[in-house]
PDB file of all heavy atoms in Angstrom:
ATOM      1  N   ASP A   1      -6.466 -17.870   9.548  1.00  0.00           N
ATOM      2  CA  ASP A   1      -5.522 -16.723   9.427  1.00  0.00           C
ATOM      3  C   ASP A   1      -6.331 -15.530   8.955  1.00  0.00           C
ATOM      4  O   ASP A   1      -6.498 -15.355   7.745  1.00  0.00           O
ATOM      5  CB  ASP A   1      -4.365 -17.031   8.595  1.00  0.00           C
ATOM      6  CG  ASP A   1      -3.376 -15.852   8.513  1.00  0.00           C
ATOM      7  OD1 ASP A   1      -3.570 -14.892   9.209  1.00  0.00           O
ATOM      8  OD2 ASP A   1      -2.479 -16.032   7.652  1.00  0.00           O
ATOM      9  N   THR A   2      -6.821 -14.651   9.775  1.00  0.00           N
ATOM     10  CA  THR A   2      -7.694 -13.578   9.402  1.00  0.00           C
ATOM     11  C   THR A   2      -6.982 -12.244   9.265  1.00  0.00           C
ATOM     12  O   THR A   2      -7.576 -11.246   8.842  1.00  0.00           O
ATOM     13  CB  THR A   2      -8.794 -13.287  10.473  1.00  0.00           C
ATOM     14  OG1 THR A   2      -8.189 -13.083  11.789  1.00  0.00           O
ATOM     15  CG2 THR A   2      -9.662 -14.520  10.580  1.00  0.00           C
ATOM     16  N   THR A   3      -5.671 -12.230   9.513  1.00  0.00           N
ATOM     17  CA  THR A   3      -4.898 -10.950   9.504  1.00  0.00           C
ATOM     18  C   THR A   3      -4.050 -10.860   8.236  1.00  0.00           C
ATOM     19  O   THR A   3      -3.500  -9.798   8.014  1.00  0.00           O
ATOM     20  CB  THR A   3      -3.935 -10.919  10.724  1.00  0.00           C
ATOM     21  OG1 THR A   3      -3.050 -11.980  10.688  1.00  0.00           O
ATOM     22  CG2 THR A   3      -4.754 -10.909  11.992  1.00  0.00           C
ATOM     23  N   ARG A   4      -3.872 -11.944   7.450  1.00  0.00           N
ATOM     24  CA  ARG A   4      -3.029 -11.886   6.350  1.00  0.00           C
ATOM     25  C   ARG A   4      -3.527 -10.880   5.271  1.00  0.00           C
ATOM     26  O   ARG A   4      -2.798 -10.044   4.765  1.00  0.00           O
ATOM     27  CB  ARG A   4      -2.810 -13.232   5.792  1.00  0.00           C
ATOM     28  CG  ARG A   4      -1.890 -13.204   4.525  1.00  0.00           C
ATOM     29  CD  ARG A   4      -1.617 -14.606   3.922  1.00  0.00           C
ATOM     30  NE  ARG A   4      -0.687 -14.545   2.882  1.00  0.00           N
ATOM     31  CZ  ARG A   4      -0.248 -15.627   2.256  1.00  0.00           C
ATOM     32  NH1 ARG A   4      -0.570 -16.888   2.658  1.00  0.00           N
ATOM     33  NH2 ARG A   4       0.666 -15.482   1.261  1.00  0.00           N
ATOM     34  N   GLU A   5      -4.786 -11.088   4.907  1.00  0.00           N
ATOM     35  CA  GLU A   5      -5.313 -10.246   3.793  1.00  0.00           C
ATOM     36  C   GLU A   5      -5.313  -8.775   4.162  1.00  0.00           C
ATOM     37  O   GLU A   5      -4.859  -7.904   3.351  1.00  0.00           O
ATOM     38  CB  GLU A   5      -6.714 -10.740   3.457  1.00  0.00           C
ATOM     39  CG  GLU A   5      -7.281  -9.991   2.174  1.00  0.00           C
ATOM     40  CD  GLU A   5      -8.593 -10.605   1.765  1.00  0.00           C
ATOM     41  OE1 GLU A   5      -8.951 -11.733   2.193  1.00  0.00           O
ATOM     42  OE2 GLU A   5      -9.312  -9.935   0.985  1.00  0.00           O
ATOM     43  N   PRO A   6      -5.781  -8.351   5.403  1.00  0.00           N
ATOM     44  CA  PRO A   6      -5.689  -6.893   5.610  1.00  0.00           C
ATOM     45  C   PRO A   6      -4.282  -6.343   5.717  1.00  0.00           C
ATOM     46  O   PRO A   6      -4.071  -5.209   5.303  1.00  0.00           O
ATOM     47  CB  PRO A   6      -6.423  -6.836   7.135  1.00  0.00           C
ATOM     48  CG  PRO A   6      -7.226  -8.044   7.141  1.00  0.00           C
ATOM     49  CD  PRO A   6      -6.526  -9.122   6.424  1.00  0.00           C
ATOM     50  N   ALA A   7      -3.397  -7.167   6.177  1.00  0.00           N
ATOM     51  CA  ALA A   7      -1.945  -6.726   6.283  1.00  0.00           C
ATOM     52  C   ALA A   7      -1.417  -6.528   4.857  1.00  0.00           C
ATOM     53  O   ALA A   7      -0.735  -5.542   4.583  1.00  0.00           O
ATOM     54  CB  ALA A   7      -1.119  -7.648   7.020  1.00  0.00           C
ATOM     55  N   GLU A   8      -1.728  -7.529   3.964  1.00  0.00           N
ATOM     56  CA  GLU A   8      -1.203  -7.482   2.554  1.00  0.00           C
ATOM     57  C   GLU A   8      -1.785  -6.211   1.884  1.00  0.00           C
ATOM     58  O   GLU A   8      -1.131  -5.530   1.164  1.00  0.00           O
ATOM     59  CB  GLU A   8      -1.626  -8.708   1.879  1.00  0.00           C
ATOM     60  CG  GLU A   8      -1.015  -8.838   0.443  1.00  0.00           C
ATOM     61  CD  GLU A   8       0.523  -8.971   0.496  1.00  0.00           C
ATOM     62  OE1 GLU A   8       1.009  -9.382   1.551  1.00  0.00           O
ATOM     63  OE2 GLU A   8       1.092  -8.644  -0.533  1.00  0.00           O
ATOM     64  N   ARG A   9      -3.132  -5.978   2.095  1.00  0.00           N
ATOM     65  CA  ARG A   9      -3.781  -4.833   1.474  1.00  0.00           C
ATOM     66  C   ARG A   9      -3.084  -3.462   1.963  1.00  0.00           C
ATOM     67  O   ARG A   9      -2.875  -2.577   1.171  1.00  0.00           O
ATOM     68  CB  ARG A   9      -5.229  -4.725   1.809  1.00  0.00           C
ATOM     69  CG  ARG A   9      -6.079  -5.746   0.909  1.00  0.00           C
ATOM     70  CD  ARG A   9      -7.542  -5.248   0.946  1.00  0.00           C
ATOM     71  NE  ARG A   9      -8.059  -5.022   2.277  1.00  0.00           N
ATOM     72  CZ  ARG A   9      -8.708  -5.964   2.998  1.00  0.00           C
ATOM     73  NH1 ARG A   9      -8.849  -7.131   2.453  1.00  0.00           N
ATOM     74  NH2 ARG A   9      -9.122  -5.710   4.167  1.00  0.00           N
ATOM     75  N   ALA A  10      -2.903  -3.414   3.311  1.00  0.00           N
ATOM     76  CA  ALA A  10      -2.368  -2.192   3.774  1.00  0.00           C
ATOM     77  C   ALA A  10      -0.844  -1.953   3.314  1.00  0.00           C
ATOM     78  O   ALA A  10      -0.498  -0.772   2.948  1.00  0.00           O
ATOM     79  CB  ALA A  10      -2.371  -2.230   5.345  1.00  0.00           C
ATOM     80  N   VAL A  11      -0.056  -3.051   3.250  1.00  0.00           N
ATOM     81  CA  VAL A  11       1.235  -2.821   2.707  1.00  0.00           C
ATOM     82  C   VAL A  11       1.310  -2.471   1.288  1.00  0.00           C
ATOM     83  O   VAL A  11       2.028  -1.678   0.808  1.00  0.00           O
ATOM     84  CB  VAL A  11       2.056  -4.098   3.081  1.00  0.00           C
ATOM     85  CG1 VAL A  11       3.464  -4.006   2.435  1.00  0.00           C
ATOM     86  CG2 VAL A  11       2.234  -4.265   4.594  1.00  0.00           C
ATOM     87  N   GLU A  12       0.430  -3.207   0.533  1.00  0.00           N
ATOM     88  CA  GLU A  12       0.289  -2.848  -0.941  1.00  0.00           C
ATOM     89  C   GLU A  12      -0.172  -1.463  -1.160  1.00  0.00           C
ATOM     90  O   GLU A  12       0.313  -0.856  -2.123  1.00  0.00           O
ATOM     91  CB  GLU A  12      -0.683  -3.818  -1.537  1.00  0.00           C
ATOM     92  CG  GLU A  12      -0.130  -5.266  -1.787  1.00  0.00           C
ATOM     93  CD  GLU A  12       1.037  -5.250  -2.803  1.00  0.00           C
ATOM     94  OE1 GLU A  12       0.780  -4.826  -3.928  1.00  0.00           O
ATOM     95  OE2 GLU A  12       2.121  -5.701  -2.458  1.00  0.00           O
ATOM     96  N   ALA A  13      -1.008  -0.924  -0.338  1.00  0.00           N
ATOM     97  CA  ALA A  13      -1.479   0.415  -0.504  1.00  0.00           C
ATOM     98  C   ALA A  13      -0.419   1.486  -0.314  1.00  0.00           C
ATOM     99  O   ALA A  13      -0.574   2.554  -0.854  1.00  0.00           O
ATOM    100  CB  ALA A  13      -2.659   0.761   0.438  1.00  0.00           C
ATOM    101  N   ALA A  14       0.648   1.082   0.290  1.00  0.00           N
ATOM    102  CA  ALA A  14       1.811   2.037   0.547  1.00  0.00           C
ATOM    103  C   ALA A  14       2.795   1.910  -0.586  1.00  0.00           C
ATOM    104  O   ALA A  14       3.767   2.695  -0.611  1.00  0.00           O
ATOM    105  CB  ALA A  14       2.469   1.704   1.860  1.00  0.00           C
ATOM    106  N   ARG A  15       2.653   0.972  -1.480  1.00  0.00           N
ATOM    107  CA  ARG A  15       3.567   0.889  -2.626  1.00  0.00           C
ATOM    108  C   ARG A  15       3.443   2.181  -3.499  1.00  0.00           C
ATOM    109  O   ARG A  15       2.407   2.796  -3.691  1.00  0.00           O
ATOM    110  CB  ARG A  15       3.269  -0.337  -3.498  1.00  0.00           C
ATOM    111  CG  ARG A  15       3.716  -1.591  -2.923  1.00  0.00           C
ATOM    112  CD  ARG A  15       3.334  -2.768  -3.812  1.00  0.00           C
ATOM    113  NE  ARG A  15       3.779  -2.614  -5.210  1.00  0.00           N
ATOM    114  CZ  ARG A  15       3.483  -3.490  -6.143  1.00  0.00           C
ATOM    115  NH1 ARG A  15       2.747  -4.561  -5.909  1.00  0.00           N
ATOM    116  NH2 ARG A  15       3.937  -3.341  -7.403  1.00  0.00           N
ATOM    117  N   LEU A  16       4.603   2.617  -4.000  1.00  0.00           N
ATOM    118  CA  LEU A  16       4.645   3.906  -4.680  1.00  0.00           C
ATOM    119  C   LEU A  16       3.715   3.961  -5.921  1.00  0.00           C
ATOM    120  O   LEU A  16       3.163   4.903  -6.304  1.00  0.00           O
ATOM    121  CB  LEU A  16       6.030   4.291  -5.123  1.00  0.00           C
ATOM    122  CG  LEU A  16       7.036   4.569  -3.934  1.00  0.00           C
ATOM    123  CD1 LEU A  16       8.365   5.030  -4.489  1.00  0.00           C
ATOM    124  CD2 LEU A  16       6.484   5.567  -2.967  1.00  0.00           C
ATOM    125  N   SER A  17       3.644   2.728  -6.541  1.00  0.00           N
ATOM    126  CA  SER A  17       2.797   2.626  -7.744  1.00  0.00           C
ATOM    127  C   SER A  17       1.329   2.718  -7.459  1.00  0.00           C
ATOM    128  O   SER A  17       0.519   3.059  -8.317  1.00  0.00           O
ATOM    129  CB  SER A  17       2.968   1.296  -8.495  1.00  0.00           C
ATOM    130  OG  SER A  17       2.721   0.240  -7.637  1.00  0.00           O
ATOM    131  N   ARG A  18       0.898   2.705  -6.157  1.00  0.00           N
ATOM    132  CA  ARG A  18      -0.462   2.823  -5.711  1.00  0.00           C
ATOM    133  C   ARG A  18      -0.815   4.234  -5.223  1.00  0.00           C
ATOM    134  O   ARG A  18      -1.839   4.533  -4.802  1.00  0.00           O
ATOM    135  CB  ARG A  18      -0.815   1.784  -4.634  1.00  0.00           C
ATOM    136  CG  ARG A  18      -0.506   0.367  -5.027  1.00  0.00           C
ATOM    137  CD  ARG A  18      -1.377  -0.108  -6.044  1.00  0.00           C
ATOM    138  NE  ARG A  18      -1.141  -1.489  -6.547  1.00  0.00           N
ATOM    139  CZ  ARG A  18      -1.704  -2.507  -5.977  1.00  0.00           C
ATOM    140  NH1 ARG A  18      -2.558  -2.426  -4.936  1.00  0.00           N
ATOM    141  NH2 ARG A  18      -1.372  -3.798  -6.361  1.00  0.00           N
ATOM    142  N   VAL A  19       0.324   5.104  -5.150  1.00  0.00           N
ATOM    143  CA  VAL A  19       0.121   6.446  -4.573  1.00  0.00           C
ATOM    144  C   VAL A  19       0.084   7.384  -5.714  1.00  0.00           C
ATOM    145  O   VAL A  19       0.756   7.298  -6.706  1.00  0.00           O
ATOM    146  CB  VAL A  19       1.329   6.739  -3.688  1.00  0.00           C
ATOM    147  CG1 VAL A  19       1.249   8.134  -3.101  1.00  0.00           C
ATOM    148  CG2 VAL A  19       1.434   5.650  -2.571  1.00  0.00           C
ATOM    149  N   PRO A  20      -0.848   8.433  -5.644  1.00  0.00           N
ATOM    150  CA  PRO A  20      -0.845   9.486  -6.661  1.00  0.00           C
ATOM    151  C   PRO A  20       0.522  10.075  -6.887  1.00  0.00           C
ATOM    152  O   PRO A  20       1.301  10.293  -5.931  1.00  0.00           O
ATOM    153  CB  PRO A  20      -1.812  10.492  -6.095  1.00  0.00           C
ATOM    154  CG  PRO A  20      -2.736   9.678  -5.234  1.00  0.00           C
ATOM    155  CD  PRO A  20      -1.886   8.665  -4.607  1.00  0.00           C
ATOM    156  N   THR A  21       0.892  10.361  -8.187  1.00  0.00           N
ATOM    157  CA  THR A  21       2.214  10.784  -8.494  1.00  0.00           C
ATOM    158  C   THR A  21       2.674  12.004  -7.699  1.00  0.00           C
ATOM    159  O   THR A  21       3.861  12.024  -7.223  1.00  0.00           O
ATOM    160  CB  THR A  21       2.243  11.154 -10.031  1.00  0.00           C
ATOM    161  OG1 THR A  21       1.895  10.031 -10.753  1.00  0.00           O
ATOM    162  CG2 THR A  21       3.706  11.487 -10.440  1.00  0.00           C
ATOM    163  N   ALA A  22       1.797  12.937  -7.466  1.00  0.00           N
ATOM    164  CA  ALA A  22       2.138  14.174  -6.753  1.00  0.00           C
ATOM    165  C   ALA A  22       2.478  13.927  -5.280  1.00  0.00           C
ATOM    166  O   ALA A  22       3.051  14.789  -4.605  1.00  0.00           O
ATOM    167  CB  ALA A  22       1.024  15.226  -6.908  1.00  0.00           C
ATOM    168  N   GLU A  23       1.971  12.859  -4.754  1.00  0.00           N
ATOM    169  CA  GLU A  23       2.136  12.576  -3.345  1.00  0.00           C
ATOM    170  C   GLU A  23       3.245  11.536  -2.964  1.00  0.00           C
ATOM    171  O   GLU A  23       3.382  11.089  -1.851  1.00  0.00           O
ATOM    172  CB  GLU A  23       0.794  12.206  -2.671  1.00  0.00           C
ATOM    173  CG  GLU A  23      -0.344  13.199  -2.916  1.00  0.00           C
ATOM    174  CD  GLU A  23       0.054  14.552  -2.385  1.00  0.00           C
ATOM    175  OE1 GLU A  23       0.847  14.687  -1.387  1.00  0.00           O
ATOM    176  OE2 GLU A  23      -0.365  15.571  -3.023  1.00  0.00           O
ATOM    177  N   ARG A  24       3.984  11.052  -3.996  1.00  0.00           N
ATOM    178  CA  ARG A  24       4.972  10.068  -3.713  1.00  0.00           C
ATOM    179  C   ARG A  24       6.209  10.638  -3.023  1.00  0.00           C
ATOM    180  O   ARG A  24       6.703  11.724  -3.391  1.00  0.00           O
ATOM    181  CB  ARG A  24       5.386   9.384  -5.024  1.00  0.00           C
ATOM    182  CG  ARG A  24       4.349   8.536  -5.679  1.00  0.00           C
ATOM    183  CD  ARG A  24       4.755   8.082  -6.999  1.00  0.00           C
ATOM    184  NE  ARG A  24       3.689   7.334  -7.652  1.00  0.00           N
ATOM    185  CZ  ARG A  24       3.694   7.032  -8.952  1.00  0.00           C
ATOM    186  NH1 ARG A  24       4.698   7.377  -9.724  1.00  0.00           N
ATOM    187  NH2 ARG A  24       2.643   6.308  -9.479  1.00  0.00           N
ATOM    188  N   PRO A  25       6.755   9.970  -1.976  1.00  0.00           N
ATOM    189  CA  PRO A  25       7.944  10.407  -1.387  1.00  0.00           C
ATOM    190  C   PRO A  25       9.160  10.092  -2.232  1.00  0.00           C
ATOM    191  O   PRO A  25       9.915   9.118  -1.998  1.00  0.00           O
ATOM    192  CB  PRO A  25       7.983   9.654  -0.091  1.00  0.00           C
ATOM    193  CG  PRO A  25       7.224   8.414  -0.403  1.00  0.00           C
ATOM    194  CD  PRO A  25       6.238   8.736  -1.371  1.00  0.00           C
ATOM    195  N   ALA A  26       9.380  10.897  -3.303  1.00  0.00           N
ATOM    196  CA  ALA A  26      10.359  10.541  -4.292  1.00  0.00           C
ATOM    197  C   ALA A  26      11.540  11.546  -4.340  1.00  0.00           C
ATOM    198  O   ALA A  26      12.357  11.433  -5.215  1.00  0.00           O
ATOM    199  CB  ALA A  26       9.730  10.434  -5.683  1.00  0.00           C
TER     200      ALA A  26
END
């Protein structure tokens, strides 16, 4: 399974806690 880790990283990178405060869609 070579796609799990890249998918998990990409989805995690979109979490609001990983986004600079000024750029969050809040």
